[in-house]
């Protein structure tokens, strides 16, 4: 079974995936077009005004954020991902034994060291 017949047979296994991708794109494009056609078109000055937590904007919207904001965001993501690793450990706690407990204690100790380091460096201050 060589040649085009074999290739066609092989590619036919991926046809459901192609249909799924097509339906997903059609659904996304269809909902965007439908919402554009059905949306109320009543422009109002209040609706079109800039919104900033209910207060009047006091500066340009394109002003750069301080670097501290990005540092806090990265620390949050890093510590959050580390905490996610605790869940599978807790689920399999009865099967991992003492070695798993020691490994998790080392993991948590490294987490605490990183947290204390960030705290001492002032990375958690929001000034």
PDB file of N, CA and C in Angstrom:
ATOM      1  N   UNK A   1       0.827  -1.180   0.000  1.00  0.00           N
ATOM      2  CA  UNK A   1       0.000   0.000   0.000  1.00  0.00           C
ATOM      3  C   UNK A   1       0.871   1.243   0.000  1.00  0.00           C
ATOM      4  N   UNK A   2       1.553   1.470  -1.057  1.00  0.00           N
ATOM      5  CA  UNK A   2       2.385   2.655  -1.204  1.00  0.00           C
ATOM      6  C   UNK A   2       1.714   3.627  -2.156  1.00  0.00           C
ATOM      7  N   UNK A   3       2.218   4.845  -2.123  1.00  0.00           N
ATOM      8  CA  UNK A   3       1.757   5.836  -3.079  1.00  0.00           C
ATOM      9  C   UNK A   3       0.615   6.684  -2.544  1.00  0.00           C
ATOM     10  N   UNK A   4      -0.128   7.263  -3.487  1.00  0.00           N
ATOM     11  CA  UNK A   4      -1.183   8.211  -3.108  1.00  0.00           C
ATOM     12  C   UNK A   4      -2.303   7.577  -2.291  1.00  0.00           C
ATOM     13  N   UNK A   5      -2.615   6.321  -2.528  1.00  0.00           N
ATOM     14  CA  UNK A   5      -3.696   5.670  -1.784  1.00  0.00           C
ATOM     15  C   UNK A   5      -3.344   5.572  -0.304  1.00  0.00           C
ATOM     16  N   UNK A   6      -2.109   5.238  -0.023  1.00  0.00           N
ATOM     17  CA  UNK A   6      -1.665   5.136   1.373  1.00  0.00           C
ATOM     18  C   UNK A   6      -1.674   6.515   2.048  1.00  0.00           C
ATOM     19  N   UNK A   7      -1.212   7.529   1.319  1.00  0.00           N
ATOM     20  CA  UNK A   7      -1.199   8.882   1.851  1.00  0.00           C
ATOM     21  C   UNK A   7      -2.614   9.374   2.121  1.00  0.00           C
ATOM     22  N   UNK A   8      -3.540   9.090   1.203  1.00  0.00           N
ATOM     23  CA  UNK A   8      -4.935   9.505   1.385  1.00  0.00           C
ATOM     24  C   UNK A   8      -5.558   8.800   2.582  1.00  0.00           C
ATOM     25  N   UNK A   9      -5.249   7.535   2.744  1.00  0.00           N
ATOM     26  CA  UNK A   9      -5.755   6.786   3.894  1.00  0.00           C
ATOM     27  C   UNK A   9      -5.192   7.351   5.202  1.00  0.00           C
ATOM     28  N   UNK A  10      -3.925   7.697   5.163  1.00  0.00           N
ATOM     29  CA  UNK A  10      -3.278   8.262   6.353  1.00  0.00           C
ATOM     30  C   UNK A  10      -3.871   9.627   6.708  1.00  0.00           C
ATOM     31  N   UNK A  11      -4.062  10.490   5.708  1.00  0.00           N
ATOM     32  CA  UNK A  11      -4.597  11.827   5.950  1.00  0.00           C
ATOM     33  C   UNK A  11      -6.074  11.802   6.338  1.00  0.00           C
ATOM     34  N   UNK A  12      -6.797  10.776   5.926  1.00  0.00           N
ATOM     35  CA  UNK A  12      -8.215  10.702   6.291  1.00  0.00           C
ATOM     36  C   UNK A  12      -8.401  10.525   7.802  1.00  0.00           C
ATOM     37  N   UNK A  13      -7.382  10.046   8.489  1.00  0.00           N
ATOM     38  CA  UNK A  13      -7.459   9.941   9.949  1.00  0.00           C
ATOM     39  C   UNK A  13      -7.501  11.315  10.605  1.00  0.00           C
ATOM     40  N   UNK A  14      -6.982  12.333   9.936  1.00  0.00           N
ATOM     41  CA  UNK A  14      -6.936  13.675  10.492  1.00  0.00           C
ATOM     42  C   UNK A  14      -8.106  14.548  10.037  1.00  0.00           C
ATOM     43  N   UNK A  15      -9.028  13.989   9.266  1.00  0.00           N
ATOM     44  CA  UNK A  15     -10.172  14.754   8.789  1.00  0.00           C
ATOM     45  C   UNK A  15     -11.046  15.285   9.931  1.00  0.00           C
ATOM     46  N   UNK A  16     -11.343  14.506  10.977  1.00  0.00           N
ATOM     47  CA  UNK A  16     -12.140  15.066  12.080  1.00  0.00           C
ATOM     48  C   UNK A  16     -11.477  16.274  12.752  1.00  0.00           C
ATOM     49  N   UNK A  17     -10.163  16.270  12.827  1.00  0.00           N
ATOM     50  CA  UNK A  17      -9.460  17.419  13.414  1.00  0.00           C
ATOM     51  C   UNK A  17      -9.616  18.635  12.513  1.00  0.00           C
ATOM     52  N   UNK A  18      -9.522  18.433  11.208  1.00  0.00           N
ATOM     53  CA  UNK A  18      -9.713  19.524  10.260  1.00  0.00           C
ATOM     54  C   UNK A  18     -11.135  20.073  10.350  1.00  0.00           C
ATOM     55  N   UNK A  19     -12.117  19.200  10.493  1.00  0.00           N
ATOM     56  CA  UNK A  19     -13.507  19.643  10.649  1.00  0.00           C
ATOM     57  C   UNK A  19     -13.661  20.428  11.952  1.00  0.00           C
ATOM     58  N   UNK A  20     -13.063  19.956  13.030  1.00  0.00           N
ATOM     59  CA  UNK A  20     -13.141  20.649  14.316  1.00  0.00           C
ATOM     60  C   UNK A  20     -12.536  22.048  14.216  1.00  0.00           C
ATOM     61  N   UNK A  21     -11.377  22.181  13.593  1.00  0.00           N
ATOM     62  CA  UNK A  21     -10.735  23.491  13.427  1.00  0.00           C
ATOM     63  C   UNK A  21     -11.616  24.397  12.578  1.00  0.00           C
ATOM     64  N   UNK A  22     -12.200  23.857  11.503  1.00  0.00           N
ATOM     65  CA  UNK A  22     -13.093  24.649  10.665  1.00  0.00           C
ATOM     66  C   UNK A  22     -14.323  25.129  11.419  1.00  0.00           C
ATOM     67  N   UNK A  23     -14.927  24.260  12.217  1.00  0.00           N
ATOM     68  CA  UNK A  23     -16.099  24.649  13.005  1.00  0.00           C
ATOM     69  C   UNK A  23     -15.708  25.704  14.036  1.00  0.00           C
ATOM     70  N   UNK A  24     -14.551  25.558  14.648  1.00  0.00           N
ATOM     71  CA  UNK A  24     -14.108  26.539  15.652  1.00  0.00           C
ATOM     72  C   UNK A  24     -13.918  27.914  15.018  1.00  0.00           C
ATOM     73  N   UNK A  25     -13.251  27.971  13.873  1.00  0.00           N
ATOM     74  CA  UNK A  25     -13.070  29.258  13.195  1.00  0.00           C
ATOM     75  C   UNK A  25     -14.402  29.837  12.724  1.00  0.00           C
ATOM     76  N   UNK A  26     -15.294  28.981  12.198  1.00  0.00           N
ATOM     77  CA  UNK A  26     -16.601  29.449  11.743  1.00  0.00           C
ATOM     78  C   UNK A  26     -17.415  29.990  12.915  1.00  0.00           C
ATOM     79  N   UNK A  27     -17.346  29.321  14.055  1.00  0.00           N
ATOM     80  CA  UNK A  27     -18.075  29.800  15.231  1.00  0.00           C
ATOM     81  C   UNK A  27     -17.528  31.146  15.690  1.00  0.00           C
ATOM     82  N   UNK A  28     -16.210  31.276  15.756  1.00  0.00           N
ATOM     83  CA  UNK A  28     -15.603  32.540  16.178  1.00  0.00           C
ATOM     84  C   UNK A  28     -15.943  33.673  15.232  1.00  0.00           C
ATOM     85  N   UNK A  29     -15.770  33.446  13.944  1.00  0.00           N
ATOM     86  CA  UNK A  29     -16.078  34.488  12.954  1.00  0.00           C
ATOM     87  C   UNK A  29     -17.570  34.783  12.934  1.00  0.00           C
ATOM     88  N   UNK A  30     -18.402  33.747  13.041  1.00  0.00           N
ATOM     89  CA  UNK A  30     -19.851  33.937  13.025  1.00  0.00           C
ATOM     90  C   UNK A  30     -20.345  34.761  14.196  1.00  0.00           C
ATOM     91  N   UNK A  31     -19.830  34.499  15.386  1.00  0.00           N
ATOM     92  CA  UNK A  31     -20.267  35.277  16.545  1.00  0.00           C
ATOM     93  C   UNK A  31     -19.804  36.723  16.450  1.00  0.00           C
ATOM     94  N   UNK A  32     -18.614  36.963  15.908  1.00  0.00           N
ATOM     95  CA  UNK A  32     -18.159  38.340  15.731  1.00  0.00           C
ATOM     96  C   UNK A  32     -19.024  39.093  14.722  1.00  0.00           C
ATOM     97  N   UNK A  33     -19.321  38.454  13.602  1.00  0.00           N
ATOM     98  CA  UNK A  33     -20.159  39.101  12.585  1.00  0.00           C
ATOM     99  C   UNK A  33     -21.567  39.314  13.111  1.00  0.00           C
ATOM    100  N   UNK A  34     -22.130  38.310  13.783  1.00  0.00           N
ATOM    101  CA  UNK A  34     -23.481  38.424  14.323  1.00  0.00           C
ATOM    102  C   UNK A  34     -23.572  39.520  15.377  1.00  0.00           C
ATOM    103  N   UNK A  35     -22.601  39.619  16.250  1.00  0.00           N
ATOM    104  CA  UNK A  35     -22.641  40.677  17.265  1.00  0.00           C
ATOM    105  C   UNK A  35     -22.472  42.052  16.637  1.00  0.00           C
ATOM    106  N   UNK A  36     -21.694  42.136  15.569  1.00  0.00           N
ATOM    107  CA  UNK A  36     -21.536  43.425  14.883  1.00  0.00           C
ATOM    108  C   UNK A  36     -22.847  43.850  14.216  1.00  0.00           C
ATOM    109  N   UNK A  37     -23.559  42.882  13.664  1.00  0.00           N
ATOM    110  CA  UNK A  37     -24.807  43.202  12.981  1.00  0.00           C
ATOM    111  C   UNK A  37     -25.946  43.502  13.956  1.00  0.00           C
ATOM    112  N   UNK A  38     -25.972  42.850  15.114  1.00  0.00           N
ATOM    113  CA  UNK A  38     -27.090  42.981  16.042  1.00  0.00           C
ATOM    114  C   UNK A  38     -26.875  44.008  17.152  1.00  0.00           C
ATOM    115  N   UNK A  39     -25.687  44.548  17.274  1.00  0.00           N
ATOM    116  CA  UNK A  39     -25.420  45.465  18.377  1.00  0.00           C
ATOM    117  C   UNK A  39     -26.196  46.765  18.197  1.00  0.00           C
ATOM    118  N   UNK A  40     -26.635  47.373  19.293  1.00  0.00           N
ATOM    119  CA  UNK A  40     -27.307  48.669  19.165  1.00  0.00           C
ATOM    120  C   UNK A  40     -26.282  49.741  18.784  1.00  0.00           C
ATOM    121  N   UNK A  41     -26.639  50.555  17.838  1.00  0.00           N
ATOM    122  CA  UNK A  41     -25.728  51.596  17.369  1.00  0.00           C
ATOM    123  C   UNK A  41     -26.254  52.955  17.824  1.00  0.00           C
ATOM    124  N   UNK A  42     -26.109  53.217  19.110  1.00  0.00           N
ATOM    125  CA  UNK A  42     -26.564  54.471  19.707  1.00  0.00           C
ATOM    126  C   UNK A  42     -25.385  55.173  20.364  1.00  0.00           C
ATOM    127  N   UNK A  43     -24.537  55.843  19.591  1.00  0.00           N
ATOM    128  CA  UNK A  43     -23.389  56.507  20.211  1.00  0.00           C
ATOM    129  C   UNK A  43     -23.848  57.630  21.136  1.00  0.00           C
ATOM    130  N   UNK A  44     -23.270  57.658  22.307  1.00  0.00           N
ATOM    131  CA  UNK A  44     -23.586  58.663  23.309  1.00  0.00           C
ATOM    132  C   UNK A  44     -22.265  59.226  23.812  1.00  0.00           C
ATOM    133  N   UNK A  45     -22.165  60.519  24.051  1.00  0.00           N
ATOM    134  CA  UNK A  45     -20.885  61.070  24.524  1.00  0.00           C
ATOM    135  C   UNK A  45     -20.414  60.435  25.832  1.00  0.00           C
ATOM    136  N   UNK A  46     -21.348  60.109  26.708  1.00  0.00           N
ATOM    137  CA  UNK A  46     -20.962  59.473  27.979  1.00  0.00           C
ATOM    138  C   UNK A  46     -20.401  58.075  27.737  1.00  0.00           C
ATOM    139  N   UNK A  47     -20.998  57.359  26.798  1.00  0.00           N
ATOM    140  CA  UNK A  47     -20.540  56.010  26.481  1.00  0.00           C
ATOM    141  C   UNK A  47     -19.163  56.027  25.829  1.00  0.00           C
ATOM    142  N   UNK A  48     -18.882  57.042  25.039  1.00  0.00           N
ATOM    143  CA  UNK A  48     -17.624  57.122  24.308  1.00  0.00           C
ATOM    144  C   UNK A  48     -16.510  57.800  25.103  1.00  0.00           C
ATOM    145  N   UNK A  49     -16.814  58.283  26.303  1.00  0.00           N
ATOM    146  CA  UNK A  49     -15.791  58.963  27.105  1.00  0.00           C
ATOM    147  C   UNK A  49     -14.847  57.942  27.737  1.00  0.00           C
ATOM    148  N   UNK A  50     -13.615  58.343  28.025  1.00  0.00           N
ATOM    149  CA  UNK A  50     -12.675  57.418  28.667  1.00  0.00           C
ATOM    150  C   UNK A  50     -13.143  57.071  30.073  1.00  0.00           C
ATOM    151  N   UNK A  51     -12.924  55.832  30.460  1.00  0.00           N
ATOM    152  CA  UNK A  51     -13.366  55.359  31.770  1.00  0.00           C
ATOM    153  C   UNK A  51     -12.154  54.939  32.583  1.00  0.00           C
ATOM    154  N   UNK A  52     -12.072  55.429  33.786  1.00  0.00           N
ATOM    155  CA  UNK A  52     -10.950  55.100  34.650  1.00  0.00           C
ATOM    156  C   UNK A  52     -11.459  54.952  36.079  1.00  0.00           C
ATOM    157  N   UNK A  53     -12.105  53.843  36.349  1.00  0.00           N
ATOM    158  CA  UNK A  53     -12.615  53.519  37.689  1.00  0.00           C
ATOM    159  C   UNK A  53     -13.577  54.581  38.205  1.00  0.00           C
ATOM    160  N   UNK A  54     -14.363  55.167  37.355  1.00  0.00           N
ATOM    161  CA  UNK A  54     -15.361  56.123  37.800  1.00  0.00           C
ATOM    162  C   UNK A  54     -14.849  57.531  38.004  1.00  0.00           C
ATOM    163  N   UNK A  55     -13.562  57.757  37.867  1.00  0.00           N
ATOM    164  CA  UNK A  55     -13.024  59.098  38.058  1.00  0.00           C
ATOM    165  C   UNK A  55     -12.556  59.655  36.715  1.00  0.00           C
ATOM    166  N   UNK A  56     -12.445  60.940  36.678  1.00  0.00           N
ATOM    167  CA  UNK A  56     -11.978  61.586  35.459  1.00  0.00           C
ATOM    168  C   UNK A  56     -10.514  61.225  35.210  1.00  0.00           C
ATOM    169  N   UNK A  57     -10.147  60.916  33.952  1.00  0.00           N
ATOM    170  CA  UNK A  57      -8.747  60.620  33.669  1.00  0.00           C
ATOM    171  C   UNK A  57      -7.877  61.851  33.912  1.00  0.00           C
ATOM    172  N   UNK A  58      -6.724  61.632  34.522  1.00  0.00           N
ATOM    173  CA  UNK A  58      -5.853  62.759  34.871  1.00  0.00           C
ATOM    174  C   UNK A  58      -4.546  62.757  34.108  1.00  0.00           C
ATOM    175  N   UNK A  59      -4.310  61.733  33.288  1.00  0.00           N
ATOM    176  CA  UNK A  59      -3.075  61.709  32.501  1.00  0.00           C
ATOM    177  C   UNK A  59      -3.324  60.906  31.228  1.00  0.00           C
ATOM    178  N   UNK A  60      -2.289  60.828  30.414  1.00  0.00           N
ATOM    179  CA  UNK A  60      -2.387  60.093  29.163  1.00  0.00           C
ATOM    180  C   UNK A  60      -2.537  58.597  29.445  1.00  0.00           C
ATOM    181  N   UNK A  61      -3.395  57.946  28.707  1.00  0.00           N
ATOM    182  CA  UNK A  61      -3.624  56.514  28.907  1.00  0.00           C
ATOM    183  C   UNK A  61      -2.420  55.677  28.482  1.00  0.00           C
ATOM    184  N   UNK A  62      -1.537  56.245  27.679  1.00  0.00           N
ATOM    185  CA  UNK A  62      -0.385  55.493  27.187  1.00  0.00           C
ATOM    186  C   UNK A  62       0.876  55.735  28.005  1.00  0.00           C
ATOM    187  N   UNK A  63       0.724  56.259  29.215  1.00  0.00           N
ATOM    188  CA  UNK A  63       1.914  56.464  30.040  1.00  0.00           C
ATOM    189  C   UNK A  63       2.453  55.116  30.501  1.00  0.00           C
ATOM    190  N   UNK A  64       3.760  54.963  30.594  1.00  0.00           N
ATOM    191  CA  UNK A  64       4.333  53.661  30.957  1.00  0.00           C
ATOM    192  C   UNK A  64       4.084  53.328  32.426  1.00  0.00           C
ATOM    193  N   UNK A  65       3.905  52.055  32.688  1.00  0.00           N
ATOM    194  CA  UNK A  65       3.787  51.575  34.055  1.00  0.00           C
ATOM    195  C   UNK A  65       5.177  51.523  34.672  1.00  0.00           C
ATOM    196  N   UNK A  66       5.263  51.702  35.967  1.00  0.00           N
ATOM    197  CA  UNK A  66       6.581  51.566  36.597  1.00  0.00           C
ATOM    198  C   UNK A  66       7.072  50.115  36.537  1.00  0.00           C
ATOM    199  N   UNK A  67       8.365  49.955  36.540  1.00  0.00           N
ATOM    200  CA  UNK A  67       8.958  48.621  36.467  1.00  0.00           C
ATOM    201  C   UNK A  67       8.528  47.780  37.656  1.00  0.00           C
ATOM    202  N   UNK A  68       8.287  48.398  38.784  1.00  0.00           N
ATOM    203  CA  UNK A  68       7.869  47.673  39.987  1.00  0.00           C
ATOM    204  C   UNK A  68       6.589  46.873  39.728  1.00  0.00           C
ATOM    205  N   UNK A  69       5.684  47.407  38.916  1.00  0.00           N
ATOM    206  CA  UNK A  69       4.440  46.701  38.593  1.00  0.00           C
ATOM    207  C   UNK A  69       4.760  45.365  37.923  1.00  0.00           C
ATOM    208  N   UNK A  70       5.680  45.361  36.978  1.00  0.00           N
ATOM    209  CA  UNK A  70       6.020  44.140  36.262  1.00  0.00           C
ATOM    210  C   UNK A  70       6.768  43.157  37.176  1.00  0.00           C
ATOM    211  N   UNK A  71       7.584  43.667  38.068  1.00  0.00           N
ATOM    212  CA  UNK A  71       8.289  42.786  39.003  1.00  0.00           C
ATOM    213  C   UNK A  71       7.294  42.080  39.912  1.00  0.00           C
ATOM    214  N   UNK A  72       6.329  42.832  40.435  1.00  0.00           N
ATOM    215  CA  UNK A  72       5.300  42.221  41.288  1.00  0.00           C
ATOM    216  C   UNK A  72       4.516  41.182  40.491  1.00  0.00           C
ATOM    217  N   UNK A  73       4.179  41.486  39.247  1.00  0.00           N
ATOM    218  CA  UNK A  73       3.428  40.540  38.415  1.00  0.00           C
ATOM    219  C   UNK A  73       4.236  39.264  38.175  1.00  0.00           C
ATOM    220  N   UNK A  74       5.526  39.402  37.882  1.00  0.00           N
ATOM    221  CA  UNK A  74       6.355  38.214  37.654  1.00  0.00           C
ATOM    222  C   UNK A  74       6.501  37.393  38.925  1.00  0.00           C
ATOM    223  N   UNK A  75       6.681  38.050  40.065  1.00  0.00           N
ATOM    224  CA  UNK A  75       6.779  37.318  41.322  1.00  0.00           C
ATOM    225  C   UNK A  75       5.485  36.574  41.618  1.00  0.00           C
ATOM    226  N   UNK A  76       4.358  37.211  41.349  1.00  0.00           N
ATOM    227  CA  UNK A  76       3.076  36.544  41.573  1.00  0.00           C
ATOM    228  C   UNK A  76       2.967  35.295  40.716  1.00  0.00           C
ATOM    229  N   UNK A  77       3.314  35.405  39.432  1.00  0.00           N
ATOM    230  CA  UNK A  77       3.211  34.252  38.544  1.00  0.00           C
ATOM    231  C   UNK A  77       4.160  33.149  38.990  1.00  0.00           C
ATOM    232  N   UNK A  78       5.379  33.505  39.338  1.00  0.00           N
ATOM    233  CA  UNK A  78       6.352  32.492  39.767  1.00  0.00           C
ATOM    234  C   UNK A  78       5.874  31.777  41.021  1.00  0.00           C
ATOM    235  N   UNK A  79       5.464  32.532  42.039  1.00  0.00           N
ATOM    236  CA  UNK A  79       5.023  31.901  43.286  1.00  0.00           C
ATOM    237  C   UNK A  79       3.714  31.146  43.083  1.00  0.00           C
ATOM    238  N   UNK A  80       2.849  31.637  42.218  1.00  0.00           N
ATOM    239  CA  UNK A  80       1.588  30.959  41.957  1.00  0.00           C
ATOM    240  C   UNK A  80       1.835  29.618  41.280  1.00  0.00           C
ATOM    241  N   UNK A  81       2.757  29.575  40.330  1.00  0.00           N
ATOM    242  CA  UNK A  81       3.067  28.316  39.655  1.00  0.00           C
ATOM    243  C   UNK A  81       3.704  27.332  40.625  1.00  0.00           C
ATOM    244  N   UNK A  82       4.527  27.824  41.516  1.00  0.00           N
ATOM    245  CA  UNK A  82       5.120  26.923  42.499  1.00  0.00           C
ATOM    246  C   UNK A  82       4.057  26.333  43.416  1.00  0.00           C
ATOM    247  N   UNK A  83       3.077  27.113  43.776  1.00  0.00           N
ATOM    248  CA  UNK A  83       2.012  26.613  44.641  1.00  0.00           C
ATOM    249  C   UNK A  83       1.161  25.576  43.905  1.00  0.00           C
ATOM    250  N   UNK A  84       1.018  25.704  42.587  1.00  0.00           N
ATOM    251  CA  UNK A  84       0.243  24.731  41.811  1.00  0.00           C
ATOM    252  C   UNK A  84       0.864  23.343  41.926  1.00  0.00           C
ATOM    253  N   UNK A  85       2.167  23.266  42.092  1.00  0.00           N
ATOM    254  CA  UNK A  85       2.822  21.971  42.214  1.00  0.00           C
ATOM    255  C   UNK A  85       2.501  21.282  43.535  1.00  0.00           C
ATOM    256  N   UNK A  86       1.952  21.985  44.487  1.00  0.00           N
ATOM    257  CA  UNK A  86       1.590  21.357  45.758  1.00  0.00           C
ATOM    258  C   UNK A  86       0.344  20.481  45.622  1.00  0.00           C
ATOM    259  N   UNK A  87      -0.542  20.783  44.689  1.00  0.00           N
ATOM    260  CA  UNK A  87      -1.788  20.027  44.572  1.00  0.00           C
ATOM    261  C   UNK A  87      -1.556  18.557  44.207  1.00  0.00           C
ATOM    262  N   UNK A  88      -0.789  18.249  43.139  1.00  0.00           N
ATOM    263  CA  UNK A  88      -0.576  16.823  42.845  1.00  0.00           C
ATOM    264  C   UNK A  88       0.139  16.105  43.983  1.00  0.00           C
ATOM    265  N   UNK A  89       1.013  16.805  44.668  1.00  0.00           N
ATOM    266  CA  UNK A  89       1.696  16.200  45.807  1.00  0.00           C
ATOM    267  C   UNK A  89       0.694  15.857  46.897  1.00  0.00           C
ATOM    268  N   UNK A  90      -0.239  16.742  47.171  1.00  0.00           N
ATOM    269  CA  UNK A  90      -1.236  16.494  48.206  1.00  0.00           C
ATOM    270  C   UNK A  90      -2.173  15.361  47.813  1.00  0.00           C
ATOM    271  N   UNK A  91      -2.491  15.246  46.534  1.00  0.00           N
ATOM    272  CA  UNK A  91      -3.375  14.168  46.081  1.00  0.00           C
ATOM    273  C   UNK A  91      -2.693  12.814  46.215  1.00  0.00           C
ATOM    274  N   UNK A  92      -1.408  12.749  45.907  1.00  0.00           N
ATOM    275  CA  UNK A  92      -0.671  11.485  45.950  1.00  0.00           C
ATOM    276  C   UNK A  92       0.122  11.332  47.240  1.00  0.00           C
ATOM    277  N   UNK A  93      -0.236  12.059  48.273  1.00  0.00           N
ATOM    278  CA  UNK A  93       0.551  12.058  49.512  1.00  0.00           C
ATOM    279  C   UNK A  93       0.659  10.666  50.126  1.00  0.00           C
ATOM    280  N   UNK A  94      -0.425   9.881  50.093  1.00  0.00           N
ATOM    281  CA  UNK A  94      -0.388   8.562  50.731  1.00  0.00           C
ATOM    282  C   UNK A  94       0.449   7.548  49.948  1.00  0.00           C
ATOM    283  N   UNK A  95       0.782   7.822  48.689  1.00  0.00           N
ATOM    284  CA  UNK A  95       1.550   6.873  47.879  1.00  0.00           C
ATOM    285  C   UNK A  95       3.020   7.244  47.714  1.00  0.00           C
ATOM    286  N   UNK A  96       3.428   8.449  48.068  1.00  0.00           N
ATOM    287  CA  UNK A  96       4.797   8.863  47.757  1.00  0.00           C
ATOM    288  C   UNK A  96       5.793   8.526  48.856  1.00  0.00           C
ATOM    289  N   UNK A  97       5.324   8.336  50.047  1.00  0.00           N
ATOM    290  CA  UNK A  97       6.205   7.913  51.124  1.00  0.00           C
ATOM    291  C   UNK A  97       7.096   9.024  51.662  1.00  0.00           C
ATOM    292  N   UNK A  98       8.115   8.608  52.376  1.00  0.00           N
ATOM    293  CA  UNK A  98       9.010   9.550  53.050  1.00  0.00           C
ATOM    294  C   UNK A  98       9.849  10.331  52.046  1.00  0.00           C
ATOM    295  N   UNK A  99      10.276   9.685  50.969  1.00  0.00           N
ATOM    296  CA  UNK A  99      11.110  10.370  49.975  1.00  0.00           C
ATOM    297  C   UNK A  99      10.337  11.528  49.347  1.00  0.00           C
ATOM    298  N   UNK A 100       9.074  11.306  49.029  1.00  0.00           N
ATOM    299  CA  UNK A 100       8.250  12.380  48.476  1.00  0.00           C
ATOM    300  C   UNK A 100       8.061  13.512  49.469  1.00  0.00           C
ATOM    301  N   UNK A 101       7.960  13.148  50.753  1.00  0.00           N
ATOM    302  CA  UNK A 101       7.812  14.175  51.790  1.00  0.00           C
ATOM    303  C   UNK A 101       9.083  15.025  51.893  1.00  0.00           C
ATOM    304  N   UNK A 102      10.228  14.382  51.849  1.00  0.00           N
ATOM    305  CA  UNK A 102      11.498  15.113  51.933  1.00  0.00           C
ATOM    306  C   UNK A 102      11.678  16.001  50.702  1.00  0.00           C
ATOM    307  N   UNK A 103      11.351  15.489  49.524  1.00  0.00           N
ATOM    308  CA  UNK A 103      11.465  16.297  48.311  1.00  0.00           C
ATOM    309  C   UNK A 103      10.559  17.521  48.376  1.00  0.00           C
ATOM    310  N   UNK A 104       9.341  17.356  48.891  1.00  0.00           N
ATOM    311  CA  UNK A 104       8.431  18.490  48.980  1.00  0.00           C
ATOM    312  C   UNK A 104       8.898  19.479  50.038  1.00  0.00           C
ATOM    313  N   UNK A 105       9.493  19.010  51.123  1.00  0.00           N
ATOM    314  CA  UNK A 105      10.046  19.927  52.123  1.00  0.00           C
ATOM    315  C   UNK A 105      11.191  20.750  51.525  1.00  0.00           C
ATOM    316  N   UNK A 106      12.021  20.126  50.705  1.00  0.00           N
ATOM    317  CA  UNK A 106      13.088  20.865  50.029  1.00  0.00           C
ATOM    318  C   UNK A 106      12.490  21.892  49.068  1.00  0.00           C
ATOM    319  N   UNK A 107      11.454  21.490  48.332  1.00  0.00           N
ATOM    320  CA  UNK A 107      10.779  22.394  47.402  1.00  0.00           C
ATOM    321  C   UNK A 107      10.192  23.584  48.145  1.00  0.00           C
ATOM    322  N   UNK A 108       9.515  23.331  49.242  1.00  0.00           N
ATOM    323  CA  UNK A 108       8.916  24.418  50.030  1.00  0.00           C
ATOM    324  C   UNK A 108      10.003  25.297  50.645  1.00  0.00           C
ATOM    325  N   UNK A 109      11.112  24.688  51.070  1.00  0.00           N
ATOM    326  CA  UNK A 109      12.211  25.478  51.638  1.00  0.00           C
ATOM    327  C   UNK A 109      12.786  26.419  50.570  1.00  0.00           C
ATOM    328  N   UNK A 110      12.942  25.938  49.346  1.00  0.00           N
ATOM    329  CA  UNK A 110      13.420  26.812  48.270  1.00  0.00           C
ATOM    330  C   UNK A 110      12.409  27.922  47.980  1.00  0.00           C
ATOM    331  N   UNK A 111      11.153  27.602  48.053  1.00  0.00           N
ATOM    332  CA  UNK A 111      10.099  28.597  47.875  1.00  0.00           C
ATOM    333  C   UNK A 111      10.190  29.674  48.950  1.00  0.00           C
ATOM    334  N   UNK A 112      10.377  29.264  50.186  1.00  0.00           N
ATOM    335  CA  UNK A 112      10.478  30.218  51.302  1.00  0.00           C
ATOM    336  C   UNK A 112      11.744  31.066  51.167  1.00  0.00           C
ATOM    337  N   UNK A 113      12.849  30.463  50.758  1.00  0.00           N
ATOM    338  CA  UNK A 113      14.084  31.226  50.557  1.00  0.00           C
ATOM    339  C   UNK A 113      13.883  32.290  49.475  1.00  0.00           C
ATOM    340  N   UNK A 114      13.227  31.918  48.379  1.00  0.00           N
ATOM    341  CA  UNK A 114      12.941  32.896  47.328  1.00  0.00           C
ATOM    342  C   UNK A 114      12.019  34.001  47.807  1.00  0.00           C
ATOM    343  N   UNK A 115      11.042  33.650  48.615  1.00  0.00           N
ATOM    344  CA  UNK A 115      10.108  34.639  49.156  1.00  0.00           C
ATOM    345  C   UNK A 115      10.830  35.604  50.092  1.00  0.00           C
ATOM    346  N   UNK A 116      11.673  35.080  50.977  1.00  0.00           N
ATOM    347  CA  UNK A 116      12.420  35.927  51.907  1.00  0.00           C
ATOM    348  C   UNK A 116      13.388  36.823  51.145  1.00  0.00           C
ATOM    349  N   UNK A 117      14.029  36.283  50.108  1.00  0.00           N
ATOM    350  CA  UNK A 117      14.941  37.085  49.290  1.00  0.00           C
ATOM    351  C   UNK A 117      14.208  38.252  48.637  1.00  0.00           C
ATOM    352  N   UNK A 118      13.038  37.945  48.051  1.00  0.00           N
ATOM    353  CA  UNK A 118      12.254  39.011  47.407  1.00  0.00           C
ATOM    354  C   UNK A 118      11.800  40.034  48.443  1.00  0.00           C
ATOM    355  N   UNK A 119      11.458  39.587  49.620  1.00  0.00           N
ATOM    356  CA  UNK A 119      11.005  40.480  50.687  1.00  0.00           C
ATOM    357  C   UNK A 119      12.143  41.389  51.144  1.00  0.00           C
ATOM    358  N   UNK A 120      13.333  40.803  51.353  1.00  0.00           N
ATOM    359  CA  UNK A 120      14.496  41.580  51.799  1.00  0.00           C
ATOM    360  C   UNK A 120      14.955  42.585  50.743  1.00  0.00           C
ATOM    361  N   UNK A 121      14.831  42.241  49.464  1.00  0.00           N
ATOM    362  CA  UNK A 121      15.226  43.136  48.390  1.00  0.00           C
ATOM    363  C   UNK A 121      14.211  44.258  48.176  1.00  0.00           C
ATOM    364  N   UNK A 122      13.044  44.156  48.820  1.00  0.00           N
ATOM    365  CA  UNK A 122      12.023  45.187  48.683  1.00  0.00           C
ATOM    366  C   UNK A 122      11.169  45.025  47.443  1.00  0.00           C
ATOM    367  N   UNK A 123      11.194  43.835  46.850  1.00  0.00           N
ATOM    368  CA  UNK A 123      10.415  43.621  45.624  1.00  0.00           C
ATOM    369  C   UNK A 123       8.925  43.549  45.892  1.00  0.00           C
ATOM    370  N   UNK A 124       8.534  43.369  47.141  1.00  0.00           N
ATOM    371  CA  UNK A 124       7.114  43.274  47.470  1.00  0.00           C
ATOM    372  C   UNK A 124       6.536  44.608  47.924  1.00  0.00           C
ATOM    373  N   UNK A 125       7.337  45.639  47.940  1.00  0.00           N
ATOM    374  CA  UNK A 125       6.866  46.978  48.307  1.00  0.00           C
ATOM    375  C   UNK A 125       6.204  47.617  47.095  1.00  0.00           C
ATOM    376  N   UNK A 126       5.094  48.285  47.287  1.00  0.00           N
ATOM    377  CA  UNK A 126       4.340  48.844  46.171  1.00  0.00           C
ATOM    378  C   UNK A 126       4.448  50.361  46.131  1.00  0.00           C
ATOM    379  N   UNK A 127       5.542  50.948  46.422  1.00  0.00           N
ATOM    380  CA  UNK A 127       5.671  52.418  46.437  1.00  0.00           C
ATOM    381  C   UNK A 127       5.781  52.972  45.100  1.00  0.00           C
TER     382      UNK A 127
END
